[in-house]
Amino acid sequence: MIITTSSQIAGKTVTQTLGVVRGNTIRVRHLGRDILASFKMLIGGEIHDYTKMMAEAREQAIDRMMDDARSLGANAIVDVRFSTSYIMTAAAEILVYGTAVIIE
């Protein structure tokens, strides 16, 4: 399946628009990681555990969006966008959405 942030795919023609598809996940920070992250704030730098957690969350959201698109019979998703929102102090939602299409 082709996934793109643009509304067109070079060399392909959109023959049918099937509708909006989405995938999301909500992740909660781990208390132990928060303690280690607070030490990292003292010296600066990247918090690798959180970077990994957010990358995994994005991939899971993308997989769920692709499943949604496949259920509609799509072979591509265009105009893909990401959104992040905080649900509570230690929890964030990753949402990815786009338009499911059939391309030739």
N, C-alpha and C. Protein backbone atom coordinates (compact mmCIF):
# COMPACT_ATOMS: atom_id res chain seq x y z
N MET A 1 0.84 -1.17 0.00
CA MET A 1 0.00 0.00 0.00
C MET A 1 0.89 1.23 0.00
N ILE A 2 0.54 2.20 -0.86
CA ILE A 2 1.27 3.46 -0.92
C ILE A 2 0.62 4.44 0.04
N ILE A 3 1.46 5.09 0.85
CA ILE A 3 0.99 6.10 1.80
C ILE A 3 1.79 7.37 1.55
N THR A 4 1.09 8.49 1.39
CA THR A 4 1.79 9.73 1.11
C THR A 4 1.09 10.93 1.76
N THR A 5 1.89 11.94 2.06
CA THR A 5 1.33 13.17 2.62
C THR A 5 0.80 14.10 1.54
N SER A 6 1.11 13.81 0.28
CA SER A 6 0.62 14.65 -0.81
C SER A 6 -0.73 14.15 -1.30
N SER A 7 -1.37 14.95 -2.14
CA SER A 7 -2.69 14.56 -2.64
C SER A 7 -2.60 13.77 -3.95
N GLN A 8 -1.39 13.67 -4.50
CA GLN A 8 -1.18 12.92 -5.73
C GLN A 8 0.00 11.98 -5.57
N ILE A 9 0.01 10.95 -6.40
CA ILE A 9 1.12 10.00 -6.40
C ILE A 9 1.71 10.02 -7.80
N ALA A 10 2.97 10.38 -7.91
CA ALA A 10 3.62 10.49 -9.22
C ALA A 10 3.50 9.20 -10.01
N GLY A 11 3.05 9.33 -11.25
CA GLY A 11 2.93 8.18 -12.13
C GLY A 11 1.69 7.35 -11.92
N LYS A 12 0.85 7.74 -10.98
CA LYS A 12 -0.38 6.99 -10.69
C LYS A 12 -1.59 7.90 -10.88
N THR A 13 -2.72 7.29 -11.13
CA THR A 13 -3.96 8.03 -11.26
C THR A 13 -4.95 7.53 -10.22
N VAL A 14 -5.51 8.47 -9.46
CA VAL A 14 -6.55 8.11 -8.49
C VAL A 14 -7.83 7.88 -9.27
N THR A 15 -8.36 6.67 -9.19
CA THR A 15 -9.59 6.34 -9.93
C THR A 15 -10.83 6.38 -9.05
N GLN A 16 -10.62 6.27 -7.73
CA GLN A 16 -11.77 6.30 -6.83
C GLN A 16 -11.33 6.77 -5.45
N THR A 17 -12.13 7.64 -4.86
CA THR A 17 -11.91 8.08 -3.49
C THR A 17 -12.89 7.35 -2.59
N LEU A 18 -12.37 6.70 -1.56
CA LEU A 18 -13.21 5.85 -0.71
C LEU A 18 -13.59 6.50 0.62
N GLY A 19 -12.84 7.50 1.04
CA GLY A 19 -13.20 8.20 2.27
C GLY A 19 -12.06 8.30 3.26
N VAL A 20 -12.35 8.93 4.37
CA VAL A 20 -11.36 9.16 5.42
C VAL A 20 -11.09 7.86 6.17
N VAL A 21 -9.81 7.62 6.42
CA VAL A 21 -9.40 6.48 7.24
C VAL A 21 -8.51 6.99 8.36
N ARG A 22 -8.48 6.26 9.45
CA ARG A 22 -7.70 6.72 10.60
C ARG A 22 -7.20 5.55 11.42
N GLY A 23 -6.19 5.86 12.20
CA GLY A 23 -5.66 4.90 13.16
C GLY A 23 -5.14 5.70 14.34
N ASN A 24 -5.29 5.13 15.52
CA ASN A 24 -4.78 5.85 16.70
C ASN A 24 -4.32 4.88 17.77
N THR A 25 -3.57 5.41 18.71
CA THR A 25 -3.15 4.68 19.88
C THR A 25 -2.91 5.69 20.99
N ILE A 26 -3.06 5.24 22.20
CA ILE A 26 -2.79 6.09 23.37
C ILE A 26 -1.71 5.40 24.18
N ARG A 27 -0.67 6.14 24.47
CA ARG A 27 0.45 5.59 25.24
C ARG A 27 0.60 6.35 26.55
N VAL A 28 0.98 5.59 27.57
CA VAL A 28 1.19 6.16 28.90
C VAL A 28 2.66 6.03 29.24
N ARG A 29 3.21 7.09 29.82
CA ARG A 29 4.61 7.04 30.25
C ARG A 29 4.76 6.11 31.43
N HIS A 30 5.94 5.54 31.56
CA HIS A 30 6.27 4.61 32.63
C HIS A 30 6.96 5.38 33.76
N LEU A 31 6.51 5.18 34.98
CA LEU A 31 7.04 5.91 36.13
C LEU A 31 8.56 5.76 36.25
N GLY A 32 9.07 4.56 36.06
CA GLY A 32 10.51 4.34 36.13
C GLY A 32 11.26 5.15 35.08
N ARG A 33 10.69 5.21 33.88
CA ARG A 33 11.31 6.00 32.82
C ARG A 33 11.25 7.49 33.14
N ASP A 34 10.18 7.92 33.81
CA ASP A 34 10.08 9.32 34.20
C ASP A 34 11.19 9.72 35.16
N ILE A 35 11.52 8.83 36.06
CA ILE A 35 12.59 9.11 37.02
C ILE A 35 13.92 9.24 36.28
N LEU A 36 14.19 8.31 35.36
CA LEU A 36 15.42 8.38 34.57
C LEU A 36 15.43 9.63 33.68
N ALA A 37 14.27 9.97 33.12
CA ALA A 37 14.19 11.16 32.27
C ALA A 37 14.46 12.42 33.06
N SER A 38 14.04 12.46 34.31
CA SER A 38 14.29 13.66 35.12
C SER A 38 15.79 13.85 35.35
N PHE A 39 16.54 12.76 35.46
CA PHE A 39 18.00 12.87 35.57
C PHE A 39 18.59 13.39 34.25
N LYS A 40 18.03 12.93 33.14
CA LYS A 40 18.51 13.35 31.83
C LYS A 40 18.29 14.85 31.63
N MET A 41 17.23 15.39 32.23
CA MET A 41 16.95 16.82 32.11
C MET A 41 18.05 17.65 32.75
N LEU A 42 18.73 17.09 33.72
CA LEU A 42 19.82 17.81 34.38
C LEU A 42 21.03 17.99 33.46
N ILE A 43 21.29 16.99 32.62
CA ILE A 43 22.48 17.05 31.77
C ILE A 43 22.14 17.35 30.31
N GLY A 44 20.88 17.21 29.95
CA GLY A 44 20.45 17.48 28.58
C GLY A 44 20.60 16.27 27.68
N GLY A 45 20.03 16.37 26.50
CA GLY A 45 20.14 15.30 25.51
C GLY A 45 18.82 14.61 25.26
N GLU A 46 18.87 13.67 24.36
CA GLU A 46 17.68 12.92 23.95
C GLU A 46 17.31 11.87 24.99
N ILE A 47 16.02 11.70 25.19
CA ILE A 47 15.51 10.64 26.06
C ILE A 47 15.11 9.48 25.15
N HIS A 48 16.03 8.55 24.96
CA HIS A 48 15.86 7.49 23.97
C HIS A 48 14.63 6.62 24.21
N ASP A 49 14.31 6.34 25.47
CA ASP A 49 13.13 5.51 25.75
C ASP A 49 11.85 6.16 25.24
N TYR A 50 11.74 7.47 25.41
CA TYR A 50 10.54 8.18 24.94
C TYR A 50 10.53 8.28 23.42
N THR A 51 11.70 8.48 22.82
CA THR A 51 11.78 8.53 21.36
C THR A 51 11.31 7.20 20.78
N LYS A 52 11.78 6.10 21.37
CA LYS A 52 11.38 4.77 20.91
C LYS A 52 9.89 4.55 21.12
N MET A 53 9.36 4.95 22.27
CA MET A 53 7.94 4.77 22.57
C MET A 53 7.07 5.51 21.55
N MET A 54 7.44 6.75 21.23
CA MET A 54 6.63 7.53 20.29
C MET A 54 6.75 6.98 18.87
N ALA A 55 7.92 6.50 18.48
CA ALA A 55 8.09 5.89 17.15
C ALA A 55 7.22 4.63 17.03
N GLU A 56 7.20 3.82 18.07
CA GLU A 56 6.35 2.62 18.06
C GLU A 56 4.88 3.00 18.00
N ALA A 57 4.50 4.04 18.72
CA ALA A 57 3.10 4.50 18.71
C ALA A 57 2.70 4.97 17.32
N ARG A 58 3.58 5.71 16.64
CA ARG A 58 3.28 6.17 15.27
C ARG A 58 3.11 4.98 14.34
N GLU A 59 4.01 4.00 14.43
CA GLU A 59 3.91 2.82 13.57
C GLU A 59 2.62 2.05 13.81
N GLN A 60 2.23 1.92 15.07
CA GLN A 60 0.98 1.22 15.39
C GLN A 60 -0.21 1.98 14.82
N ALA A 61 -0.21 3.30 14.94
CA ALA A 61 -1.31 4.11 14.39
C ALA A 61 -1.38 3.97 12.87
N ILE A 62 -0.21 3.97 12.21
CA ILE A 62 -0.17 3.80 10.76
C ILE A 62 -0.72 2.43 10.37
N ASP A 63 -0.32 1.38 11.08
CA ASP A 63 -0.83 0.04 10.80
C ASP A 63 -2.35 -0.01 10.92
N ARG A 64 -2.88 0.64 11.93
CA ARG A 64 -4.34 0.65 12.13
C ARG A 64 -5.04 1.43 11.02
N MET A 65 -4.42 2.53 10.56
CA MET A 65 -5.00 3.29 9.46
C MET A 65 -4.99 2.44 8.18
N MET A 66 -3.89 1.72 7.95
CA MET A 66 -3.81 0.86 6.77
C MET A 66 -4.87 -0.24 6.81
N ASP A 67 -5.10 -0.82 7.99
CA ASP A 67 -6.15 -1.83 8.13
C ASP A 67 -7.52 -1.24 7.79
N ASP A 68 -7.76 -0.01 8.25
CA ASP A 68 -9.02 0.68 7.96
C ASP A 68 -9.16 0.87 6.44
N ALA A 69 -8.08 1.28 5.79
CA ALA A 69 -8.11 1.50 4.34
C ALA A 69 -8.34 0.20 3.58
N ARG A 70 -7.65 -0.85 4.01
CA ARG A 70 -7.83 -2.16 3.34
C ARG A 70 -9.28 -2.64 3.46
N SER A 71 -9.90 -2.37 4.61
CA SER A 71 -11.30 -2.81 4.79
C SER A 71 -12.24 -2.12 3.81
N LEU A 72 -11.82 -0.97 3.29
CA LEU A 72 -12.62 -0.26 2.29
C LEU A 72 -12.24 -0.67 0.86
N GLY A 73 -11.18 -1.46 0.71
CA GLY A 73 -10.72 -1.89 -0.60
C GLY A 73 -9.68 -0.96 -1.21
N ALA A 74 -9.09 -0.09 -0.43
CA ALA A 74 -8.10 0.87 -0.94
C ALA A 74 -6.75 0.21 -1.19
N ASN A 75 -5.99 0.78 -2.11
CA ASN A 75 -4.62 0.35 -2.32
C ASN A 75 -3.63 1.49 -2.10
N ALA A 76 -4.15 2.64 -1.64
CA ALA A 76 -3.28 3.78 -1.32
C ALA A 76 -4.02 4.72 -0.36
N ILE A 77 -3.22 5.54 0.34
CA ILE A 77 -3.78 6.56 1.22
C ILE A 77 -3.04 7.86 0.92
N VAL A 78 -3.79 8.91 0.61
CA VAL A 78 -3.20 10.21 0.30
C VAL A 78 -3.56 11.22 1.39
N ASP A 79 -2.88 12.36 1.35
CA ASP A 79 -3.13 13.46 2.30
C ASP A 79 -3.02 13.01 3.76
N VAL A 80 -2.02 12.20 4.06
CA VAL A 80 -1.84 11.66 5.41
C VAL A 80 -1.32 12.75 6.35
N ARG A 81 -1.90 12.80 7.54
CA ARG A 81 -1.50 13.77 8.56
C ARG A 81 -1.43 13.08 9.92
N PHE A 82 -0.58 13.61 10.79
CA PHE A 82 -0.46 13.13 12.16
C PHE A 82 -0.94 14.19 13.12
N SER A 83 -1.48 13.74 14.23
CA SER A 83 -1.89 14.65 15.29
C SER A 83 -1.55 13.99 16.63
N THR A 84 -1.13 14.81 17.57
CA THR A 84 -0.84 14.32 18.91
C THR A 84 -1.61 15.17 19.90
N SER A 85 -2.23 14.51 20.86
CA SER A 85 -2.93 15.26 21.91
C SER A 85 -2.70 14.56 23.24
N TYR A 86 -2.75 15.34 24.28
CA TYR A 86 -2.57 14.79 25.62
C TYR A 86 -3.93 14.47 26.21
N ILE A 87 -4.09 13.25 26.69
CA ILE A 87 -5.34 12.79 27.28
C ILE A 87 -5.35 13.12 28.77
N MET A 88 -4.21 12.94 29.41
CA MET A 88 -4.03 13.26 30.81
C MET A 88 -2.55 13.53 31.02
N THR A 89 -2.12 13.78 32.21
CA THR A 89 -0.75 14.20 32.47
C THR A 89 0.29 13.27 31.85
N ALA A 90 0.13 11.99 31.95
CA ALA A 90 1.16 11.06 31.50
C ALA A 90 0.75 10.26 30.26
N ALA A 91 -0.34 10.65 29.59
CA ALA A 91 -0.82 9.87 28.45
C ALA A 91 -1.00 10.76 27.23
N ALA A 92 -0.57 10.25 26.07
CA ALA A 92 -0.70 10.98 24.82
C ALA A 92 -1.34 10.09 23.77
N GLU A 93 -2.15 10.71 22.92
CA GLU A 93 -2.76 10.00 21.80
C GLU A 93 -2.02 10.39 20.53
N ILE A 94 -1.71 9.39 19.73
CA ILE A 94 -1.18 9.60 18.38
C ILE A 94 -2.31 9.22 17.43
N LEU A 95 -2.68 10.15 16.58
CA LEU A 95 -3.73 9.93 15.57
C LEU A 95 -3.12 10.18 14.21
N VAL A 96 -3.35 9.27 13.28
CA VAL A 96 -2.95 9.46 11.90
C VAL A 96 -4.20 9.27 11.04
N TYR A 97 -4.35 10.14 10.05
CA TYR A 97 -5.54 10.06 9.20
C TYR A 97 -5.19 10.47 7.78
N GLY A 98 -6.01 10.03 6.86
CA GLY A 98 -5.81 10.35 5.46
C GLY A 98 -7.03 9.95 4.65
N THR A 99 -6.89 10.01 3.33
CA THR A 99 -7.98 9.66 2.42
C THR A 99 -7.63 8.37 1.71
N ALA A 100 -8.48 7.36 1.87
CA ALA A 100 -8.29 6.08 1.19
C ALA A 100 -8.71 6.21 -0.27
N VAL A 101 -7.86 5.71 -1.16
CA VAL A 101 -8.14 5.81 -2.58
C VAL A 101 -7.76 4.50 -3.29
N ILE A 102 -8.26 4.37 -4.50
CA ILE A 102 -7.82 3.31 -5.40
C ILE A 102 -7.04 3.99 -6.51
N ILE A 103 -5.84 3.47 -6.77
CA ILE A 103 -5.00 4.04 -7.81
C ILE A 103 -4.72 3.00 -8.88
N GLU A 104 -4.40 3.48 -10.09
CA GLU A 104 -3.98 2.61 -11.19
C GLU A 104 -2.58 2.97 -11.58
